Amino acid sequence: MLDMLKKAFWVPYEDGSVYPTVSKAHQAIAKYCEANGWSCSFPSDDEAVIDGKTYEIYRGYETGSRGNYGVKCREK
């Protein structure tokens, strides 16, 4: 039940027809954070620390997008 209350957001990913590599996901997240004035770092391939909070990085199909790939950050 508590998992449903965790903050999550989709990061704009330009080429939704191509699976995002780790480096492309990190680039998209860094660009998104910079545009919003947030700090970010990447302690591992599947983690991001955004404004002091740790998020897990999901790279895969975007729900409801008819097969497009996306990058999602979900609070740990």
N, C-alpha and C. Protein backbone atom coordinates (compact mmCIF):
# COMPACT_ATOMS: atom_id res chain seq x y z
N MET A 1 0.82 -1.19 0.00
CA MET A 1 0.00 0.00 0.00
C MET A 1 0.86 1.26 0.00
N LEU A 2 1.92 1.27 0.80
CA LEU A 2 2.76 2.45 0.88
C LEU A 2 3.52 2.71 -0.42
N ASP A 3 3.78 1.65 -1.22
CA ASP A 3 4.47 1.84 -2.48
C ASP A 3 3.70 2.75 -3.42
N MET A 4 2.39 2.79 -3.30
CA MET A 4 1.57 3.62 -4.17
C MET A 4 1.74 5.11 -3.85
N LEU A 5 2.24 5.43 -2.68
CA LEU A 5 2.38 6.81 -2.26
C LEU A 5 3.73 7.42 -2.61
N LYS A 6 4.62 6.62 -3.20
CA LYS A 6 5.93 7.12 -3.55
C LYS A 6 5.85 8.00 -4.79
N LYS A 7 6.64 9.06 -4.79
CA LYS A 7 6.64 10.00 -5.90
C LYS A 7 7.34 9.38 -7.11
N ALA A 8 6.75 9.53 -8.28
CA ALA A 8 7.34 9.05 -9.52
C ALA A 8 6.99 10.03 -10.63
N PHE A 9 7.88 10.14 -11.60
CA PHE A 9 7.61 11.02 -12.74
C PHE A 9 8.35 10.50 -13.97
N TRP A 10 7.73 10.74 -15.13
CA TRP A 10 8.34 10.40 -16.42
C TRP A 10 9.21 11.56 -16.86
N VAL A 11 10.37 11.24 -17.36
CA VAL A 11 11.31 12.24 -17.86
C VAL A 11 11.15 12.31 -19.38
N PRO A 12 11.07 13.51 -19.95
CA PRO A 12 10.96 13.62 -21.41
C PRO A 12 12.13 12.91 -22.09
N TYR A 13 11.81 11.98 -22.97
CA TYR A 13 12.82 11.21 -23.70
C TYR A 13 12.52 11.37 -25.18
N GLU A 14 13.44 11.96 -25.92
CA GLU A 14 13.22 12.37 -27.30
C GLU A 14 12.84 11.22 -28.24
N ASP A 15 13.65 10.17 -28.30
CA ASP A 15 13.44 9.11 -29.29
C ASP A 15 12.75 7.92 -28.66
N GLY A 16 11.44 7.96 -28.58
CA GLY A 16 10.66 6.92 -27.92
C GLY A 16 10.64 5.59 -28.66
N SER A 17 11.15 5.55 -29.88
CA SER A 17 11.15 4.29 -30.64
C SER A 17 12.40 3.46 -30.36
N VAL A 18 13.38 4.04 -29.66
CA VAL A 18 14.63 3.36 -29.36
C VAL A 18 14.76 3.18 -27.85
N TYR A 19 15.12 1.95 -27.43
CA TYR A 19 15.30 1.67 -26.00
C TYR A 19 16.40 2.57 -25.43
N PRO A 20 16.13 3.28 -24.34
CA PRO A 20 17.14 4.19 -23.77
C PRO A 20 18.28 3.44 -23.08
N THR A 21 19.49 3.71 -23.51
CA THR A 21 20.65 3.14 -22.85
C THR A 21 20.85 3.86 -21.52
N VAL A 22 21.74 3.36 -20.71
CA VAL A 22 22.01 3.98 -19.41
C VAL A 22 22.49 5.42 -19.62
N SER A 23 23.40 5.63 -20.56
CA SER A 23 23.93 6.98 -20.77
C SER A 23 22.86 7.93 -21.31
N LYS A 24 21.99 7.46 -22.19
CA LYS A 24 20.91 8.31 -22.71
C LYS A 24 19.90 8.64 -21.62
N ALA A 25 19.63 7.68 -20.74
CA ALA A 25 18.71 7.93 -19.62
C ALA A 25 19.31 8.97 -18.68
N HIS A 26 20.60 8.83 -18.38
CA HIS A 26 21.27 9.79 -17.50
C HIS A 26 21.27 11.18 -18.13
N GLN A 27 21.50 11.28 -19.43
CA GLN A 27 21.48 12.56 -20.13
C GLN A 27 20.10 13.20 -20.05
N ALA A 28 19.06 12.40 -20.28
CA ALA A 28 17.68 12.92 -20.25
C ALA A 28 17.32 13.42 -18.85
N ILE A 29 17.71 12.67 -17.83
CA ILE A 29 17.42 13.06 -16.45
C ILE A 29 18.18 14.33 -16.08
N ALA A 30 19.47 14.39 -16.45
CA ALA A 30 20.28 15.58 -16.15
C ALA A 30 19.70 16.82 -16.83
N LYS A 31 19.27 16.68 -18.08
CA LYS A 31 18.68 17.80 -18.82
C LYS A 31 17.37 18.25 -18.16
N TYR A 32 16.55 17.29 -17.74
CA TYR A 32 15.28 17.58 -17.09
C TYR A 32 15.52 18.30 -15.76
N CYS A 33 16.48 17.81 -14.99
CA CYS A 33 16.79 18.44 -13.69
C CYS A 33 17.33 19.85 -13.88
N GLU A 34 18.19 20.03 -14.87
CA GLU A 34 18.75 21.36 -15.14
C GLU A 34 17.64 22.34 -15.52
N ALA A 35 16.69 21.89 -16.34
CA ALA A 35 15.59 22.76 -16.77
C ALA A 35 14.69 23.16 -15.60
N ASN A 36 14.62 22.30 -14.57
CA ASN A 36 13.78 22.58 -13.41
C ASN A 36 14.54 23.16 -12.22
N GLY A 37 15.85 23.37 -12.38
CA GLY A 37 16.66 23.96 -11.32
C GLY A 37 16.98 23.01 -10.18
N TRP A 38 16.99 21.71 -10.47
CA TRP A 38 17.30 20.70 -9.45
C TRP A 38 18.72 20.20 -9.63
N SER A 39 19.31 19.75 -8.54
CA SER A 39 20.62 19.11 -8.63
C SER A 39 20.41 17.61 -8.81
N CYS A 40 21.35 16.98 -9.50
CA CYS A 40 21.23 15.52 -9.65
C CYS A 40 22.62 14.90 -9.77
N SER A 41 22.71 13.65 -9.32
CA SER A 41 23.91 12.85 -9.46
C SER A 41 23.48 11.40 -9.64
N PHE A 42 24.40 10.57 -10.10
CA PHE A 42 24.08 9.18 -10.40
C PHE A 42 25.05 8.25 -9.69
N PRO A 43 24.67 7.76 -8.49
CA PRO A 43 25.56 6.86 -7.74
C PRO A 43 25.73 5.49 -8.39
N SER A 44 24.76 5.08 -9.23
CA SER A 44 24.86 3.81 -9.95
C SER A 44 24.06 3.94 -11.25
N ASP A 45 24.09 2.88 -12.05
CA ASP A 45 23.40 2.90 -13.34
C ASP A 45 21.89 3.06 -13.21
N ASP A 46 21.33 2.51 -12.15
CA ASP A 46 19.87 2.52 -12.01
C ASP A 46 19.37 3.36 -10.83
N GLU A 47 20.19 4.34 -10.41
CA GLU A 47 19.81 5.25 -9.32
C GLU A 47 20.18 6.68 -9.66
N ALA A 48 19.35 7.59 -9.20
CA ALA A 48 19.63 9.02 -9.33
C ALA A 48 19.31 9.69 -8.00
N VAL A 49 20.13 10.63 -7.62
CA VAL A 49 19.86 11.44 -6.43
C VAL A 49 19.48 12.83 -6.94
N ILE A 50 18.20 13.18 -6.76
CA ILE A 50 17.67 14.44 -7.26
C ILE A 50 17.25 15.28 -6.07
N ASP A 51 17.90 16.41 -5.91
CA ASP A 51 17.65 17.31 -4.78
C ASP A 51 17.67 16.58 -3.44
N GLY A 52 18.63 15.68 -3.27
CA GLY A 52 18.81 14.98 -2.00
C GLY A 52 17.95 13.75 -1.80
N LYS A 53 17.04 13.44 -2.74
CA LYS A 53 16.21 12.24 -2.63
C LYS A 53 16.67 11.20 -3.65
N THR A 54 16.66 9.94 -3.23
CA THR A 54 17.11 8.86 -4.10
C THR A 54 15.93 8.31 -4.90
N TYR A 55 16.15 8.17 -6.20
CA TYR A 55 15.14 7.63 -7.11
C TYR A 55 15.73 6.45 -7.87
N GLU A 56 14.90 5.45 -8.13
CA GLU A 56 15.33 4.37 -9.00
C GLU A 56 14.93 4.74 -10.43
N ILE A 57 15.77 4.37 -11.38
CA ILE A 57 15.54 4.72 -12.78
C ILE A 57 14.95 3.51 -13.50
N TYR A 58 13.81 3.73 -14.15
CA TYR A 58 13.17 2.70 -14.96
C TYR A 58 13.32 3.09 -16.42
N ARG A 59 13.84 2.19 -17.23
CA ARG A 59 13.95 2.40 -18.67
C ARG A 59 13.14 1.31 -19.35
N GLY A 60 12.07 1.70 -20.00
CA GLY A 60 11.23 0.69 -20.64
C GLY A 60 10.00 1.32 -21.27
N TYR A 61 8.98 0.49 -21.46
CA TYR A 61 7.76 0.97 -22.10
C TYR A 61 7.04 1.97 -21.21
N GLU A 62 6.61 3.04 -21.83
CA GLU A 62 5.83 4.06 -21.15
C GLU A 62 4.37 3.63 -21.17
N THR A 63 3.74 3.54 -20.03
CA THR A 63 2.37 3.09 -19.92
C THR A 63 1.44 3.96 -20.75
N GLY A 64 0.62 3.31 -21.57
CA GLY A 64 -0.36 4.02 -22.37
C GLY A 64 0.21 4.76 -23.56
N SER A 65 1.42 4.43 -23.96
CA SER A 65 2.07 5.18 -25.04
C SER A 65 2.10 4.43 -26.37
N ARG A 66 1.42 3.32 -26.44
CA ARG A 66 1.38 2.52 -27.67
C ARG A 66 2.76 2.03 -28.09
N GLY A 67 3.53 1.57 -27.12
CA GLY A 67 4.81 0.94 -27.42
C GLY A 67 6.02 1.84 -27.42
N ASN A 68 5.89 3.07 -27.00
CA ASN A 68 7.05 3.97 -26.95
C ASN A 68 7.84 3.73 -25.67
N TYR A 69 9.15 3.89 -25.78
CA TYR A 69 10.01 3.76 -24.62
C TYR A 69 10.09 5.09 -23.87
N GLY A 70 10.43 4.99 -22.58
CA GLY A 70 10.54 6.18 -21.78
C GLY A 70 11.48 5.96 -20.61
N VAL A 71 11.71 7.03 -19.86
CA VAL A 71 12.56 7.00 -18.68
C VAL A 71 11.72 7.52 -17.52
N LYS A 72 11.67 6.74 -16.44
CA LYS A 72 10.86 7.09 -15.28
C LYS A 72 11.75 7.08 -14.03
N CYS A 73 11.53 8.05 -13.17
CA CYS A 73 12.22 8.09 -11.87
C CYS A 73 11.18 7.84 -10.79
N ARG A 74 11.48 6.90 -9.89
CA ARG A 74 10.55 6.56 -8.82
C ARG A 74 11.29 6.63 -7.49
N GLU A 75 10.73 7.34 -6.55
CA GLU A 75 11.34 7.53 -5.23
C GLU A 75 11.53 6.20 -4.53
N LYS A 76 12.71 6.02 -3.92
CA LYS A 76 13.00 4.77 -3.19
C LYS A 76 12.51 4.87 -1.77
